[in-house]
Amino acid sequence: MIAKLSGLLDSVGVDHLVLDVGGVGYLVHCSSRMLQGLPAPGARLSFTVETVVRDDAILLYGFEDLAMRDWFRLLQTVQGVGAKVALAMLSTFRADELAHNIAVQDWTSLTRAAGVGRKLGERIVTELRDKVPAEAAFTTVPGKGGAAIVVGASARDAISALVHLGYRPSEAQTAIGRAANRVGAEAPVEALIRAGLKELAP
């Protein structure tokens, strides 16, 4: 299996690049995010590779770092997510954005990726929520007066509860952020929910 490639960038396509390694051109599928950040052809590159063996082909997928490769693998553990959809998600989100959206159960944001609809977005959140680190729920939201407030991992369940009540994820995050500023980030989930609902009250 090929796990890493180093060579000269030969050309760039819509969803792939060709890397010249000692005179052999390797076609490597990459996220649009990675392709947009590439230097001009002729530059030397080195990146992590995932080899996918199918009945009809051996495909190579390239990643700018190990975190993105690990997400590529993890996403495909979800039923309905193949290499194409996983790559589309990595084209749309950074690793920290993916982790955060899953941690706070924001499946609607996941549907921004090509091939991800409501049902698949919900399945990704459900199956991967416990596999992302708790600190992924940390976020900075605007508090009253524009001051930034840090929402800790203990607020994850409170944000999720408000989302399930019908509030948009962005509304829930802001409300719980402000609530945490008032009652404390380590307050019980029930207290954060009550305080968050007061923040959302007209």
C-alpha atoms as a PDB file:
ATOM      1  CA  MET A   1       0.000   0.000   0.000  1.00  0.00           C
ATOM      2  CA  ILE A   2       1.160   3.547  -0.744  1.00  0.00           C
ATOM      3  CA  ALA A   3       1.001   5.763   2.360  1.00  0.00           C
ATOM      4  CA  LYS A   4       3.041   8.786   1.257  1.00  0.00           C
ATOM      5  CA  LEU A   5       4.221  10.359  -1.982  1.00  0.00           C
ATOM      6  CA  SER A   6       6.960  12.894  -2.675  1.00  0.00           C
ATOM      7  CA  GLY A   7       7.723  14.315  -6.085  1.00  0.00           C
ATOM      8  CA  LEU A   8       7.131  17.120  -8.560  1.00  0.00           C
ATOM      9  CA  LEU A   9       3.668  18.472  -9.286  1.00  0.00           C
ATOM     10  CA  ASP A  10       2.986  17.688 -12.939  1.00  0.00           C
ATOM     11  CA  SER A  11      -0.594  18.911 -13.432  1.00  0.00           C
ATOM     12  CA  VAL A  12      -3.847  19.671 -11.627  1.00  0.00           C
ATOM     13  CA  GLY A  13      -7.344  18.598 -12.661  1.00  0.00           C
ATOM     14  CA  VAL A  14     -10.813  19.348 -11.317  1.00  0.00           C
ATOM     15  CA  ASP A  15     -10.630  16.706  -8.593  1.00  0.00           C
ATOM     16  CA  HIS A  16      -7.088  15.364  -8.822  1.00  0.00           C
ATOM     17  CA  LEU A  17      -3.428  16.081  -9.366  1.00  0.00           C
ATOM     18  CA  VAL A  18      -0.673  14.176 -11.127  1.00  0.00           C
ATOM     19  CA  LEU A  19       2.574  13.821  -9.183  1.00  0.00           C
ATOM     20  CA  ASP A  20       5.799  12.919 -10.970  1.00  0.00           C
ATOM     21  CA  VAL A  21       7.728  10.525  -8.749  1.00  0.00           C
ATOM     22  CA  GLY A  22      10.964   9.498 -10.425  1.00  0.00           C
ATOM     23  CA  GLY A  23       9.434   9.701 -13.876  1.00  0.00           C
ATOM     24  CA  VAL A  24       6.218   7.873 -12.937  1.00  0.00           C
ATOM     25  CA  GLY A  25       3.043   9.961 -12.862  1.00  0.00           C
ATOM     26  CA  TYR A  26       0.673   9.133 -10.007  1.00  0.00           C
ATOM     27  CA  LEU A  27      -2.926  10.337 -10.344  1.00  0.00           C
ATOM     28  CA  VAL A  28      -4.077  11.329  -6.863  1.00  0.00           C
ATOM     29  CA  HIS A  29      -7.638  12.386  -6.009  1.00  0.00           C
ATOM     30  CA  CYS A  30      -7.752  15.361  -3.628  1.00  0.00           C
ATOM     31  CA  SER A  31     -10.251  17.698  -2.026  1.00  0.00           C
ATOM     32  CA  SER A  32     -10.889  20.994  -3.806  1.00  0.00           C
ATOM     33  CA  ARG A  33      -9.596  22.720  -0.656  1.00  0.00           C
ATOM     34  CA  MET A  34      -6.235  21.013  -1.060  1.00  0.00           C
ATOM     35  CA  LEU A  35      -6.087  21.576  -4.826  1.00  0.00           C
ATOM     36  CA  GLN A  36      -6.744  25.297  -4.442  1.00  0.00           C
ATOM     37  CA  GLY A  37      -3.755  25.632  -2.130  1.00  0.00           C
ATOM     38  CA  LEU A  38      -1.240  23.966  -4.436  1.00  0.00           C
ATOM     39  CA  PRO A  39       1.801  25.766  -5.848  1.00  0.00           C
ATOM     40  CA  ALA A  40       2.481  26.007  -9.590  1.00  0.00           C
ATOM     41  CA  PRO A  41       3.356  22.861 -11.562  1.00  0.00           C
ATOM     42  CA  GLY A  42       6.987  21.904 -11.147  1.00  0.00           C
ATOM     43  CA  ALA A  43       6.985  22.472  -7.393  1.00  0.00           C
ATOM     44  CA  ARG A  44       8.084  19.672  -5.090  1.00  0.00           C
ATOM     45  CA  LEU A  45       5.308  18.192  -2.966  1.00  0.00           C
ATOM     46  CA  SER A  46       5.057  15.616  -0.210  1.00  0.00           C
ATOM     47  CA  PHE A  47       1.757  14.473   1.243  1.00  0.00           C
ATOM     48  CA  THR A  48      -0.086  11.622   2.953  1.00  0.00           C
ATOM     49  CA  VAL A  49      -1.878   9.134   0.727  1.00  0.00           C
ATOM     50  CA  GLU A  50      -4.704   6.671   1.288  1.00  0.00           C
ATOM     51  CA  THR A  51      -4.763   3.704  -1.087  1.00  0.00           C
ATOM     52  CA  VAL A  52      -8.229   2.343  -1.896  1.00  0.00           C
ATOM     53  CA  VAL A  53      -8.333  -1.035  -3.643  1.00  0.00           C
ATOM     54  CA  ARG A  54     -11.491  -1.876  -5.583  1.00  0.00           C
ATOM     55  CA  ASP A  55     -12.381  -4.760  -7.864  1.00  0.00           C
ATOM     56  CA  ASP A  56     -11.851  -2.581 -10.923  1.00  0.00           C
ATOM     57  CA  ALA A  57      -9.196  -0.090  -9.815  1.00  0.00           C
ATOM     58  CA  ILE A  58      -6.575   1.013  -7.314  1.00  0.00           C
ATOM     59  CA  LEU A  59      -7.227   4.630  -6.358  1.00  0.00           C
ATOM     60  CA  LEU A  60      -5.012   7.072  -4.502  1.00  0.00           C
ATOM     61  CA  TYR A  61      -6.343   9.899  -2.323  1.00  0.00           C
ATOM     62  CA  GLY A  62      -4.045  12.670  -1.113  1.00  0.00           C
ATOM     63  CA  PHE A  63      -4.300  14.779   2.039  1.00  0.00           C
ATOM     64  CA  GLU A  64      -2.476  17.815   3.344  1.00  0.00           C
ATOM     65  CA  ASP A  65      -2.114  16.259   6.801  1.00  0.00           C
ATOM     66  CA  LEU A  66      -2.876  13.144   8.853  1.00  0.00           C
ATOM     67  CA  ALA A  67      -5.965  14.724  10.437  1.00  0.00           C
ATOM     68  CA  MET A  68      -7.689  15.027   7.068  1.00  0.00           C
ATOM     69  CA  ARG A  69      -6.717  11.466   6.134  1.00  0.00           C
ATOM     70  CA  ASP A  70      -8.128  10.192   9.428  1.00  0.00           C
ATOM     71  CA  TRP A  71     -11.391  12.051   8.759  1.00  0.00           C
ATOM     72  CA  PHE A  72     -11.517  10.478   5.291  1.00  0.00           C
ATOM     73  CA  ARG A  73     -11.329   7.055   6.923  1.00  0.00           C
ATOM     74  CA  LEU A  74     -13.747   7.850   9.750  1.00  0.00           C
ATOM     75  CA  LEU A  75     -16.429   9.325   7.508  1.00  0.00           C
ATOM     76  CA  GLN A  76     -16.510   6.157   5.440  1.00  0.00           C
ATOM     77  CA  THR A  77     -17.439   4.093   8.491  1.00  0.00           C
ATOM     78  CA  VAL A  78     -20.889   5.676   8.167  1.00  0.00           C
ATOM     79  CA  GLN A  79     -23.309   3.769   5.937  1.00  0.00           C
ATOM     80  CA  GLY A  80     -23.903   5.741   2.763  1.00  0.00           C
ATOM     81  CA  VAL A  81     -20.596   7.607   2.853  1.00  0.00           C
ATOM     82  CA  GLY A  82     -18.127   6.437   0.236  1.00  0.00           C
ATOM     83  CA  ALA A  83     -14.851   7.942  -0.893  1.00  0.00           C
ATOM     84  CA  LYS A  84     -16.597  10.472  -3.169  1.00  0.00           C
ATOM     85  CA  VAL A  85     -18.856  11.877  -0.438  1.00  0.00           C
ATOM     86  CA  ALA A  86     -16.042  11.829   2.132  1.00  0.00           C
ATOM     87  CA  LEU A  87     -13.851  13.848  -0.234  1.00  0.00           C
ATOM     88  CA  ALA A  88     -16.719  16.272  -0.874  1.00  0.00           C
ATOM     89  CA  MET A  89     -17.019  16.845   2.872  1.00  0.00           C
ATOM     90  CA  LEU A  90     -13.283  17.472   3.174  1.00  0.00           C
ATOM     91  CA  SER A  91     -13.628  19.942   0.298  1.00  0.00           C
ATOM     92  CA  THR A  92     -16.280  21.819   2.255  1.00  0.00           C
ATOM     93  CA  PHE A  93     -14.983  21.680   5.843  1.00  0.00           C
ATOM     94  CA  ARG A  94     -11.694  21.871   7.705  1.00  0.00           C
ATOM     95  CA  ALA A  95     -11.053  19.089  10.217  1.00  0.00           C
ATOM     96  CA  ASP A  96     -11.967  21.336  13.178  1.00  0.00           C
ATOM     97  CA  GLU A  97     -15.174  22.481  11.454  1.00  0.00           C
ATOM     98  CA  LEU A  98     -16.257  18.903  10.842  1.00  0.00           C
ATOM     99  CA  ALA A  99     -15.551  17.938  14.445  1.00  0.00           C
ATOM    100  CA  HIS A 100     -17.438  20.939  15.785  1.00  0.00           C
ATOM    101  CA  ASN A 101     -20.506  20.433  13.584  1.00  0.00           C
ATOM    102  CA  ILE A 102     -20.712  16.792  14.611  1.00  0.00           C
ATOM    103  CA  ALA A 103     -20.077  17.539  18.293  1.00  0.00           C
ATOM    104  CA  VAL A 104     -22.983  20.010  18.466  1.00  0.00           C
ATOM    105  CA  GLN A 105     -25.145  17.833  16.156  1.00  0.00           C
ATOM    106  CA  ASP A 106     -25.395  20.488  13.456  1.00  0.00           C
ATOM    107  CA  TRP A 107     -26.414  18.142  10.636  1.00  0.00           C
ATOM    108  CA  THR A 108     -27.830  21.042   8.609  1.00  0.00           C
ATOM    109  CA  SER A 109     -24.332  22.455   8.104  1.00  0.00           C
ATOM    110  CA  LEU A 110     -23.120  19.077   6.876  1.00  0.00           C
ATOM    111  CA  THR A 111     -25.627  19.212   4.010  1.00  0.00           C
ATOM    112  CA  ARG A 112     -23.502  21.947   2.427  1.00  0.00           C
ATOM    113  CA  ALA A 113     -21.270  19.153   1.145  1.00  0.00           C
ATOM    114  CA  ALA A 114     -22.218  17.636  -2.212  1.00  0.00           C
ATOM    115  CA  GLY A 115     -24.027  14.335  -1.807  1.00  0.00           C
ATOM    116  CA  VAL A 116     -25.077  14.911   1.804  1.00  0.00           C
ATOM    117  CA  GLY A 117     -28.805  15.286   2.372  1.00  0.00           C
ATOM    118  CA  ARG A 118     -30.791  15.485   5.581  1.00  0.00           C
ATOM    119  CA  LYS A 119     -30.917  11.753   6.295  1.00  0.00           C
ATOM    120  CA  LEU A 120     -27.226  11.222   5.655  1.00  0.00           C
ATOM    121  CA  GLY A 121     -26.304  14.326   7.650  1.00  0.00           C
ATOM    122  CA  GLU A 122     -28.301  13.065  10.607  1.00  0.00           C
ATOM    123  CA  ARG A 123     -26.728   9.608  10.298  1.00  0.00           C
ATOM    124  CA  ILE A 124     -23.214  11.082  10.269  1.00  0.00           C
ATOM    125  CA  VAL A 125     -23.937  13.081  13.418  1.00  0.00           C
ATOM    126  CA  THR A 126     -25.547  10.114  15.180  1.00  0.00           C
ATOM    127  CA  GLU A 127     -22.814   7.611  14.357  1.00  0.00           C
ATOM    128  CA  LEU A 128     -19.788   9.867  14.818  1.00  0.00           C
ATOM    129  CA  ARG A 129     -20.781  12.128  17.695  1.00  0.00           C
ATOM    130  CA  ASP A 130     -19.138   9.919  20.309  1.00  0.00           C
ATOM    131  CA  LYS A 131     -16.010   9.538  18.175  1.00  0.00           C
ATOM    132  CA  VAL A 132     -15.008  13.202  18.129  1.00  0.00           C
ATOM    133  CA  PRO A 133     -13.166  14.721  21.102  1.00  0.00           C
ATOM    134  CA  ALA A 134     -15.275  16.562  23.649  1.00  0.00           C
ATOM    135  CA  GLU A 135     -13.244  19.737  23.120  1.00  0.00           C
ATOM    136  CA  ALA A 136     -14.620  19.901  19.583  1.00  0.00           C
ATOM    137  CA  ALA A 137     -17.712  21.515  21.082  1.00  0.00           C
ATOM    138  CA  PHE A 138     -15.630  24.484  22.175  1.00  0.00           C
ATOM    139  CA  THR A 139     -16.528  27.542  20.184  1.00  0.00           C
ATOM    140  CA  THR A 140     -16.440  31.304  20.456  1.00  0.00           C
ATOM    141  CA  VAL A 141     -19.739  33.140  20.131  1.00  0.00           C
ATOM    142  CA  PRO A 142     -20.685  36.798  20.406  1.00  0.00           C
ATOM    143  CA  GLY A 143     -21.946  37.778  23.837  1.00  0.00           C
ATOM    144  CA  LYS A 144     -23.808  40.928  24.802  1.00  0.00           C
ATOM    145  CA  GLY A 145     -21.941  44.009  23.721  1.00  0.00           C
ATOM    146  CA  GLY A 146     -19.955  41.982  21.181  1.00  0.00           C
ATOM    147  CA  ALA A 147     -17.638  40.350  23.727  1.00  0.00           C
ATOM    148  CA  ALA A 148     -16.433  36.887  22.761  1.00  0.00           C
ATOM    149  CA  ILE A 149     -17.567  34.043  25.007  1.00  0.00           C
ATOM    150  CA  VAL A 150     -16.061  30.583  25.022  1.00  0.00           C
ATOM    151  CA  VAL A 151     -18.548  27.715  25.170  1.00  0.00           C
ATOM    152  CA  GLY A 152     -17.054  24.639  26.825  1.00  0.00           C
ATOM    153  CA  ALA A 153     -17.641  20.980  26.135  1.00  0.00           C
ATOM    154  CA  SER A 154     -20.102  20.781  29.030  1.00  0.00           C
ATOM    155  CA  ALA A 155     -22.471  22.950  26.981  1.00  0.00           C
ATOM    156  CA  ARG A 156     -22.606  20.465  24.095  1.00  0.00           C
ATOM    157  CA  ASP A 157     -25.701  18.674  25.358  1.00  0.00           C
ATOM    158  CA  ALA A 158     -27.444  21.975  26.095  1.00  0.00           C
ATOM    159  CA  ILE A 159     -26.802  23.211  22.545  1.00  0.00           C
ATOM    160  CA  SER A 160     -28.051  19.886  21.189  1.00  0.00           C
ATOM    161  CA  ALA A 161     -31.225  20.126  23.294  1.00  0.00           C
ATOM    162  CA  LEU A 162     -32.068  23.571  21.901  1.00  0.00           C
ATOM    163  CA  VAL A 163     -31.445  22.357  18.349  1.00  0.00           C
ATOM    164  CA  HIS A 164     -33.869  19.483  18.955  1.00  0.00           C
ATOM    165  CA  LEU A 165     -36.409  22.027  20.187  1.00  0.00           C
ATOM    166  CA  GLY A 166     -36.291  23.636  16.757  1.00  0.00           C
ATOM    167  CA  TYR A 167     -33.754  26.420  17.151  1.00  0.00           C
ATOM    168  CA  ARG A 168     -31.087  26.888  14.510  1.00  0.00           C
ATOM    169  CA  PRO A 169     -27.611  25.658  15.560  1.00  0.00           C
ATOM    170  CA  SER A 170     -26.195  29.179  15.372  1.00  0.00           C
ATOM    171  CA  GLU A 171     -28.992  30.471  17.631  1.00  0.00           C
ATOM    172  CA  ALA A 172     -28.477  27.629  20.097  1.00  0.00           C
ATOM    173  CA  GLN A 173     -24.715  28.155  20.236  1.00  0.00           C
ATOM    174  CA  THR A 174     -25.060  31.887  20.856  1.00  0.00           C
ATOM    175  CA  ALA A 175     -27.764  31.404  23.500  1.00  0.00           C
ATOM    176  CA  ILE A 176     -25.826  28.761  25.415  1.00  0.00           C
ATOM    177  CA  GLY A 177     -22.653  30.825  25.104  1.00  0.00           C
ATOM    178  CA  ARG A 178     -24.357  33.762  26.766  1.00  0.00           C
ATOM    179  CA  ALA A 179     -26.007  31.471  29.314  1.00  0.00           C
ATOM    180  CA  ALA A 180     -22.623  29.962  30.202  1.00  0.00           C
ATOM    181  CA  ASN A 181     -21.301  33.468  30.760  1.00  0.00           C
ATOM    182  CA  ARG A 182     -24.059  34.071  33.314  1.00  0.00           C
ATOM    183  CA  VAL A 183     -24.427  30.745  35.129  1.00  0.00           C
ATOM    184  CA  GLY A 184     -20.980  29.263  34.526  1.00  0.00           C
ATOM    185  CA  ALA A 185     -19.702  26.923  31.822  1.00  0.00           C
ATOM    186  CA  GLU A 186     -19.685  24.002  34.267  1.00  0.00           C
ATOM    187  CA  ALA A 187     -23.309  24.469  35.337  1.00  0.00           C
ATOM    188  CA  PRO A 188     -25.623  21.437  34.970  1.00  0.00           C
ATOM    189  CA  VAL A 189     -27.081  20.919  31.523  1.00  0.00           C
ATOM    190  CA  GLU A 190     -30.602  21.677  32.785  1.00  0.00           C
ATOM    191  CA  ALA A 191     -29.466  25.035  34.159  1.00  0.00           C
ATOM    192  CA  LEU A 192     -27.753  25.922  30.893  1.00  0.00           C
ATOM    193  CA  ILE A 193     -30.879  24.985  28.923  1.00  0.00           C
ATOM    194  CA  ARG A 194     -33.120  27.136  31.128  1.00  0.00           C
ATOM    195  CA  ALA A 195     -30.716  30.059  30.914  1.00  0.00           C
ATOM    196  CA  GLY A 196     -30.372  29.556  27.160  1.00  0.00           C
ATOM    197  CA  LEU A 197     -34.127  29.639  26.672  1.00  0.00           C
ATOM    198  CA  LYS A 198     -34.272  32.919  28.578  1.00  0.00           C
ATOM    199  CA  GLU A 199     -31.668  34.307  26.179  1.00  0.00           C
ATOM    200  CA  LEU A 200     -33.871  33.270  23.255  1.00  0.00           C
ATOM    201  CA  ALA A 201     -37.035  34.748  24.752  1.00  0.00           C
ATOM    202  CA  PRO A 202     -38.282  37.881  22.924  1.00  0.00           C
END
